[in-house]
Amino acid sequence: MPTESDQFDPLLLLGRLADAGVDFVVIGGVAGGAHGSSYPTYDLDIAYERSRENIEKIVRVLREVNAKLRGAPADVAFQLDARTIENGSHFTFLTDYGAFDLLSDPGGAPPYPALRKAAARREVNGRLIHFASLDHLIAMKDASGRTKDKLMGTEYRVLADEIRRRGD
């Protein structure tokens, strides 16, 4: 069973999601890192398409990576199935690959189709992965209101300005 101190390996988890055909966009610190952020992150955050078929794929991956609710007492009843995910919005898990957060509607983000359309597409270990745009990451960081997110948002603005200046 995974523990809080287990190694964080987002690339392996991204690979599992991509190989299962999950429709998702990486958000949070891992997405920031894909754009050049120097801030460390200790969890993988994704937004995802909410169809039943996609949620069933997510549930299969979560079961394969031994996902357990992160921070919840061991005796809390939790049924990991499509209906539970459909009825919820934000889930925090601990998996064989580290911390993983599943968000259906991240604060500050546009609806999923717009988030995905604007996402940067990058190859990761031979798989095409969608990473939220810097503008959307900035909006999400601003919406959180947390000090660390404000700092990250400031760095993301600098990165976005530099990319615009270079014409990338």
Protein backbone atom coordinates (compact mmCIF):
# COMPACT_ATOMS: atom_id res chain seq x y z
CA MET A 1 0.00 0.00 0.00
CA PRO A 2 1.36 3.46 -0.87
CA THR A 3 2.41 5.85 1.86
CA GLU A 4 2.92 9.61 2.03
CA SER A 5 6.69 9.13 1.82
CA ASP A 6 6.64 7.04 -1.36
CA GLN A 7 8.55 8.25 -4.41
CA PHE A 8 6.68 10.71 -6.59
CA ASP A 9 6.88 9.70 -10.26
CA PRO A 10 4.37 11.64 -12.35
CA LEU A 11 5.77 10.36 -15.66
CA LEU A 12 4.76 6.80 -14.90
CA LEU A 13 1.28 7.87 -13.86
CA LEU A 14 0.92 10.06 -16.96
CA GLY A 15 1.91 7.06 -19.04
CA ARG A 16 -0.72 4.88 -17.40
CA LEU A 17 -3.42 7.49 -18.03
CA ALA A 18 -2.37 8.03 -21.65
CA ASP A 19 -2.10 4.30 -22.36
CA ALA A 20 -5.63 3.81 -21.01
CA GLY A 21 -6.94 6.45 -23.42
CA VAL A 22 -8.03 8.85 -20.67
CA ASP A 23 -8.97 12.33 -21.94
CA PHE A 24 -7.22 14.70 -19.51
CA VAL A 25 -5.18 17.88 -19.17
CA VAL A 26 -2.31 18.20 -16.73
CA ILE A 27 -2.72 21.21 -14.45
CA GLY A 28 -0.87 22.40 -11.36
CA GLY A 29 2.85 22.24 -10.73
CA VAL A 30 3.63 19.46 -13.20
CA ALA A 31 2.05 21.55 -15.96
CA GLY A 32 4.01 24.56 -14.72
CA GLY A 33 7.20 22.50 -14.92
CA ALA A 34 6.40 21.57 -18.51
CA HIS A 35 6.40 25.29 -19.28
CA GLY A 36 9.72 25.89 -17.51
CA SER A 37 8.74 26.60 -13.91
CA SER A 38 11.44 26.07 -11.32
CA TYR A 39 8.99 25.40 -8.47
CA PRO A 40 9.00 21.82 -7.22
CA THR A 41 5.75 19.88 -6.99
CA TYR A 42 4.85 16.78 -5.10
CA ASP A 43 1.61 15.72 -6.75
CA LEU A 44 0.13 15.27 -10.19
CA ASP A 45 -3.05 17.26 -10.81
CA ILE A 46 -5.32 16.66 -13.78
CA ALA A 47 -8.59 18.00 -15.09
CA TYR A 48 -10.59 15.51 -17.12
CA GLU A 49 -13.45 15.08 -19.56
CA ARG A 50 -16.56 14.02 -17.61
CA SER A 51 -18.16 11.39 -19.86
CA ARG A 52 -19.03 8.06 -18.26
CA GLU A 53 -16.64 6.27 -20.63
CA ASN A 54 -13.71 8.50 -19.67
CA ILE A 55 -14.48 8.24 -15.96
CA GLU A 56 -14.56 4.44 -16.23
CA LYS A 57 -11.08 4.56 -17.81
CA ILE A 58 -9.87 6.76 -14.95
CA VAL A 59 -11.31 4.37 -12.37
CA ARG A 60 -9.54 1.41 -14.03
CA VAL A 61 -6.22 3.26 -13.85
CA LEU A 62 -6.83 4.30 -10.24
CA ARG A 63 -7.49 0.70 -9.27
CA GLU A 64 -4.37 -0.50 -11.15
CA VAL A 65 -2.16 1.98 -9.28
CA ASN A 66 -3.72 1.12 -5.89
CA ALA A 67 -5.24 4.56 -5.34
CA LYS A 68 -6.41 5.35 -1.82
CA LEU A 69 -7.89 8.58 -0.54
CA ARG A 70 -5.05 10.80 0.64
CA GLY A 71 -5.34 12.20 4.13
CA ALA A 72 -8.49 10.29 4.99
CA PRO A 73 -8.67 8.00 8.02
CA ALA A 74 -8.22 4.33 7.09
CA ASP A 75 -11.72 3.49 8.31
CA VAL A 76 -13.49 5.98 6.01
CA ALA A 77 -15.67 4.06 3.60
CA PHE A 78 -14.85 4.92 -0.01
CA GLN A 79 -16.14 3.11 -3.07
CA LEU A 80 -13.80 3.68 -6.02
CA ASP A 81 -16.17 3.43 -8.95
CA ALA A 82 -17.50 5.57 -11.78
CA ARG A 83 -20.58 6.66 -9.86
CA THR A 84 -18.49 7.98 -6.97
CA ILE A 85 -16.27 9.96 -9.33
CA GLU A 86 -19.30 11.27 -11.24
CA ASN A 87 -20.90 12.45 -8.00
CA GLY A 88 -17.76 14.20 -6.79
CA SER A 89 -15.67 17.05 -8.04
CA HIS A 90 -12.20 16.92 -6.47
CA PHE A 91 -10.42 13.82 -5.23
CA THR A 92 -6.97 13.51 -3.69
CA PHE A 93 -5.35 10.11 -3.92
CA LEU A 94 -2.15 8.40 -2.94
CA THR A 95 -1.02 5.88 -5.57
CA ASP A 96 1.91 3.57 -6.25
CA TYR A 97 3.44 6.57 -8.09
CA GLY A 98 2.75 9.20 -5.44
CA ALA A 99 0.10 11.83 -4.87
CA PHE A 100 -2.52 12.30 -7.57
CA ASP A 101 -5.33 14.87 -7.62
CA LEU A 102 -8.35 14.50 -9.87
CA LEU A 103 -10.32 17.71 -10.49
CA SER A 104 -13.44 17.96 -12.60
CA ASP A 105 -13.69 21.74 -12.50
CA PRO A 106 -10.57 23.46 -11.17
CA GLY A 107 -11.15 26.94 -9.77
CA GLY A 108 -10.16 29.64 -12.26
CA ALA A 109 -10.11 27.24 -15.22
CA PRO A 110 -12.47 27.53 -18.17
CA PRO A 111 -14.82 24.64 -19.00
CA TYR A 112 -12.89 21.50 -19.94
CA PRO A 113 -13.24 21.79 -23.75
CA ALA A 114 -11.65 25.27 -23.69
CA LEU A 115 -8.95 24.14 -21.24
CA ARG A 116 -8.04 21.24 -23.55
CA LYS A 117 -8.18 23.30 -26.74
CA ALA A 118 -5.70 25.86 -25.36
CA ALA A 119 -3.42 23.25 -23.81
CA ALA A 120 0.17 22.79 -24.92
CA ARG A 121 0.76 19.36 -26.41
CA ARG A 122 4.07 17.78 -25.54
CA GLU A 123 5.52 14.36 -26.13
CA VAL A 124 6.32 12.55 -22.89
CA ASN A 125 7.96 9.15 -23.23
CA GLY A 126 6.42 8.67 -26.66
CA ARG A 127 2.92 9.78 -25.65
CA LEU A 128 1.16 13.05 -26.51
CA ILE A 129 0.18 14.75 -23.24
CA HIS A 130 -1.88 17.95 -22.87
CA PHE A 131 -0.59 20.54 -20.38
CA ALA A 132 -2.73 23.51 -19.39
CA SER A 133 -1.65 26.78 -21.01
CA LEU A 134 0.28 29.27 -18.92
CA ASP A 135 -2.65 31.69 -19.08
CA HIS A 136 -4.99 29.06 -17.66
CA LEU A 137 -2.45 28.02 -15.03
CA ILE A 138 -2.14 31.67 -13.97
CA ALA A 139 -5.92 31.96 -13.66
CA MET A 140 -6.07 28.77 -11.56
CA LYS A 141 -3.25 29.94 -9.29
CA ASP A 142 -4.93 33.34 -8.85
CA ALA A 143 -8.25 31.67 -8.00
CA SER A 144 -6.72 29.57 -5.21
CA GLY A 145 -5.64 32.57 -3.17
CA ARG A 146 -2.88 30.62 -1.43
CA THR A 147 0.48 32.34 -0.92
CA LYS A 148 2.46 29.60 -2.67
CA ASP A 149 0.09 29.74 -5.64
CA LYS A 150 0.45 33.53 -5.86
CA LEU A 151 4.22 33.08 -6.02
CA MET A 152 3.88 30.41 -8.70
CA GLY A 153 1.45 32.60 -10.63
CA THR A 154 4.02 35.39 -10.61
CA GLU A 155 6.65 33.06 -12.05
CA TYR A 156 4.18 31.81 -14.67
CA ARG A 157 3.54 35.42 -15.74
CA VAL A 158 7.28 35.96 -16.21
CA LEU A 159 7.48 32.74 -18.26
CA ALA A 160 4.47 33.76 -20.37
CA ASP A 161 5.93 37.22 -20.97
CA GLU A 162 9.27 35.72 -22.02
CA ILE A 163 7.58 33.29 -24.42
CA ARG A 164 5.55 36.13 -25.95
CA ARG A 165 8.69 38.30 -26.23
CA ARG A 166 10.54 35.52 -28.09
CA GLY A 167 7.53 34.87 -30.30
CA ASP A 168 7.28 31.14 -29.44
